[in-house]
Each structure stands twice: as structure tokens, then as C-alpha cells.
Protein backbone atom coordinates (compact mmCIF):
# COMPACT_ATOMS: atom_id res chain seq x y z
CA MET A 1 -81.19 78.93 97.49
CA GLN A 2 -83.05 82.11 96.66
CA ALA A 3 -85.31 82.60 93.68
CA THR A 4 -83.79 85.09 91.29
CA ALA A 5 -86.66 85.58 88.84
CA ARG A 6 -88.70 88.70 89.42
CA ALA A 7 -92.43 88.85 88.95
CA ALA A 8 -93.57 90.73 85.89
CA THR A 9 -95.30 94.05 86.37
CA ALA A 10 -99.08 94.10 85.99
CA GLU A 11 -98.72 95.45 82.46
CA GLN A 12 -96.44 92.54 81.49
CA LEU A 13 -98.64 89.75 82.83
CA PRO A 14 -100.72 87.66 80.43
CA PRO A 15 -104.44 87.31 81.19
CA ARG A 16 -105.06 85.05 84.18
CA PRO A 17 -106.96 81.82 83.38
CA ALA A 18 -110.63 81.92 84.34
CA GLN A 19 -110.18 79.01 86.76
CA ALA A 20 -109.92 79.86 90.44
CA PRO A 21 -107.03 78.12 92.24
CA ILE A 22 -107.51 76.85 95.77
CA PHE A 23 -104.92 76.56 98.53
CA ASN A 24 -104.87 72.77 98.71
CA HIS A 25 -102.18 71.69 101.16
CA THR A 26 -98.97 72.34 102.99
CA MET A 27 -96.34 69.72 103.75
CA VAL A 28 -94.12 69.03 106.74
CA ARG A 29 -91.57 66.24 107.11
CA VAL A 30 -92.04 63.97 110.10
CA ARG A 31 -89.70 61.57 111.86
CA ASP A 32 -92.29 59.06 113.09
CA PRO A 33 -95.59 58.90 111.21
CA ALA A 34 -97.30 56.96 114.01
CA ALA A 35 -96.51 59.68 116.57
CA SER A 36 -97.46 62.45 114.15
CA ARG A 37 -100.69 60.78 113.11
CA HIS A 38 -101.60 60.25 116.76
CA PHE A 39 -101.08 63.96 117.43
CA TYR A 40 -102.93 65.28 114.38
CA GLU A 41 -105.73 62.70 114.43
CA ARG A 42 -106.33 61.76 118.08
CA VAL A 43 -105.33 65.05 119.73
CA LEU A 44 -106.23 67.73 117.15
CA GLY A 45 -109.09 65.82 115.53
CA MET A 46 -107.98 65.72 111.91
CA ARG A 47 -108.88 62.70 109.80
CA HIS A 48 -106.50 60.64 107.68
CA ILE A 49 -107.71 60.80 104.09
CA CYS A 50 -105.14 58.61 102.38
CA GLN A 51 -101.55 57.45 102.27
CA LEU A 52 -99.34 57.32 99.19
CA ASP A 53 -96.26 55.09 99.38
CA PHE A 54 -93.24 55.52 97.11
CA PRO A 55 -91.03 52.43 97.58
CA GLY A 56 -88.51 53.59 94.97
CA GLY A 57 -87.93 56.81 96.90
CA LYS A 58 -88.43 55.19 100.31
CA PHE A 59 -91.00 57.69 101.53
CA SER A 60 -94.73 57.94 102.27
CA LEU A 61 -97.18 60.82 102.16
CA HIS A 62 -100.08 61.03 104.60
CA PHE A 63 -102.91 63.47 103.86
CA LEU A 64 -105.07 64.74 106.73
CA ALA A 65 -107.76 67.39 107.15
CA PHE A 66 -110.52 68.57 109.43
CA ASP A 67 -114.19 67.94 108.56
CA VAL A 68 -113.69 64.97 106.25
CA PRO A 69 -117.09 63.33 105.66
CA ASP A 70 -117.50 59.69 106.71
CA ASP A 71 -118.53 58.69 103.18
CA VAL A 72 -115.16 59.91 101.87
CA LEU A 73 -113.29 57.81 104.43
CA ALA A 74 -115.41 54.78 103.50
CA ALA A 75 -114.71 55.26 99.77
CA ASP A 76 -112.10 53.41 97.77
CA PHE A 77 -108.53 54.67 97.59
CA GLU A 78 -108.89 56.54 94.29
CA LYS A 79 -111.89 58.53 95.56
CA ARG A 80 -110.04 59.41 98.79
CA ARG A 81 -106.93 60.42 96.84
CA ALA A 82 -109.01 62.58 94.48
CA TYR A 83 -110.74 64.16 97.48
CA ALA A 84 -107.38 65.00 99.11
CA PHE A 85 -106.33 66.86 95.97
CA SER A 86 -109.66 68.63 95.49
CA ARG A 87 -110.31 70.36 98.79
CA GLN A 88 -108.75 73.12 100.84
CA GLY A 89 -106.91 72.87 104.14
CA VAL A 90 -105.04 69.58 103.77
CA LEU A 91 -101.94 68.77 105.78
CA GLU A 92 -99.41 66.49 104.10
CA LEU A 93 -97.06 64.60 106.41
CA THR A 94 -94.01 63.32 104.53
CA HIS A 95 -92.16 60.42 106.11
CA ASN A 96 -88.75 59.38 104.84
CA TRP A 97 -88.52 55.72 105.75
CA GLY A 98 -86.15 54.78 108.54
CA THR A 99 -85.99 58.12 110.34
CA GLU A 100 -88.21 56.80 113.15
CA THR A 101 -85.59 54.18 114.14
CA ASP A 102 -82.37 55.97 113.20
CA PRO A 103 -80.56 57.01 116.42
CA ALA A 104 -78.34 59.38 114.41
CA PHE A 105 -81.31 61.26 112.93
CA ALA A 106 -81.25 64.77 114.41
CA GLY A 107 -84.75 65.78 113.33
CA TYR A 108 -86.02 68.41 110.94
CA SER A 109 -85.81 72.18 111.19
CA ASN A 110 -89.17 73.60 112.26
CA GLY A 111 -88.38 76.78 110.32
CA ASN A 112 -88.33 79.01 113.39
CA SER A 113 -84.62 78.87 114.18
CA ASP A 114 -81.31 78.78 112.34
CA PRO A 115 -80.32 76.95 110.29
CA GLY A 116 -83.47 76.61 108.27
CA ARG A 117 -85.38 79.69 109.40
CA GLY A 118 -88.24 80.39 107.02
CA TYR A 119 -91.29 78.21 107.60
CA GLY A 120 -93.31 79.42 110.59
CA HIS A 121 -96.37 77.50 111.72
CA ILE A 122 -99.71 75.87 111.02
CA GLY A 123 -102.72 77.87 112.26
CA VAL A 124 -105.80 76.26 113.80
CA CYS A 125 -108.87 78.34 114.67
CA VAL A 126 -111.11 77.25 117.55
CA ASP A 127 -114.25 78.59 119.21
CA ASP A 128 -112.73 78.90 122.72
CA VAL A 129 -108.94 79.23 122.86
CA HIS A 130 -108.74 78.86 126.65
CA GLU A 131 -110.78 75.66 126.67
CA TYR A 132 -108.81 74.21 123.76
CA CYS A 133 -105.44 75.01 125.30
CA THR A 134 -106.57 73.45 128.59
CA TYR A 135 -107.53 70.34 126.61
CA LEU A 136 -104.12 70.27 124.85
CA GLU A 137 -102.32 70.59 128.18
CA ALA A 138 -104.39 67.69 129.59
CA CYS A 139 -103.28 65.65 126.54
CA GLY A 140 -99.65 66.34 127.46
CA VAL A 141 -98.96 68.62 124.48
CA ALA A 142 -95.91 70.88 124.90
CA PHE A 143 -96.22 74.59 124.18
CA LYS A 144 -93.80 77.11 122.69
CA LYS A 145 -96.04 79.93 123.98
CA LYS A 146 -98.97 79.59 126.33
CA LEU A 147 -101.87 82.05 126.38
CA HIS A 148 -100.61 83.95 129.43
CA GLU A 149 -97.08 84.37 128.02
CA GLY A 150 -95.86 87.24 125.87
CA SER A 151 -97.77 90.30 124.76
CA MET A 152 -100.41 88.48 122.67
CA LYS A 153 -102.65 86.90 125.31
CA ASN A 154 -105.26 85.48 122.93
CA ILE A 155 -103.07 83.09 120.94
CA ALA A 156 -100.89 80.13 121.85
CA PHE A 157 -98.33 77.99 120.04
CA ALA A 158 -98.44 74.26 120.72
CA LEU A 159 -95.72 71.88 119.48
CA ASP A 160 -96.27 68.75 117.44
CA PRO A 161 -94.03 65.67 117.90
CA ASP A 162 -91.43 67.10 115.48
CA GLY A 163 -91.38 70.54 117.07
CA TYR A 164 -93.49 72.29 114.43
CA TRP A 165 -95.47 75.19 115.87
CA ILE A 166 -99.25 74.93 115.82
CA GLU A 167 -100.83 78.34 116.37
CA ILE A 168 -104.08 78.13 118.31
CA LEU A 169 -106.21 81.21 117.77
CA PRO A 170 -109.88 82.15 118.12
CA LYS A 171 -112.20 82.05 115.13
CA GLY A 172 -112.65 85.59 113.90
CA TYR A 173 -109.28 86.57 115.45
CA THR A 174 -108.49 90.23 115.83
CA ALA A 175 -105.06 91.40 116.97
């Protein structure tokens, strides 16, 4: 479904509120939350902030981020939940219950092929791309594009357990 509403011209827009929005999170659906959490936490180094369960809808949301302070992780649930919805750079993993054991489940579209082309990737900046990619390979992570492949030799695309692309690029990247 495509959006049909067009943005108003600058002259037609009302004054913007004084508050400054932040880019809080992006969400991907995952088949097996244990496998996905292992990848994002143990391999990439993110930290699990909190989990929200919705029994009526039979799904759970897991919120992860880099650089989560220890005192946040030690806090009660409400403080962790508030933190997840107050900071930038959060990854939300949505798990629809039962997909991890359903042999007929075909997986989710990663957004990079048809049908479902649209979503592209998650980007992670690191100090040393070569060292980090060597580490990911030693962890057994699959790659869509390794550093030596293609015309862009200073970026790579690793794959998470659901086939989502994780772009690995150097901090301060220049094309």
C-alpha cells in the first residue's frame, strides 16, 4: 500500500513545535528471539534493555541498544522501559509467538528482494572495519558482501539470523 497524501508546501505548514524529536528505534520481525538476541547481544555487543509481552496478541518486543549503562540494566522494569523510549539508536526485535517452532514458517522478507523490497539494512559504525569483519567471520557470521567484494571496499554487509543486512562501516565513513 502506498501513501497517497502529499506533504504540504513550506508555506502551508503550521509552525513546528519547539520540541526536538529524536530517532528512537527501528523494528525488525524475528523468527527465533533466542537466536536473534544471541547475535545482537553476544556477537554485536548490544544490551537487552527490556522485553514487553503482549499475550492477547501473542507477540513480544525486545529492545536492545549499544552503550546501555549498567545502572539502567539494574533498574526496575519501568525505568528500563522509560529508558528504551527516551534514547536514540534502539533496535526493537518483534517476535510473533510460535514462529520459532513452526516448520511451515517461511521467514520474513529482509526488504532487499521481491516480494517485500523496501527496507534495506541496519548500519553499525566501528573503529576498524577489517578487524571487526575478521571477528564476525570468526564468530561464524554469514556475509552478503565482504570487504573485498564489489566496488566499495571499505564496507561490508553481515547477515543476522533472519537474513537482515547489517552494514559494517568505519566511523567517519567517506564514500
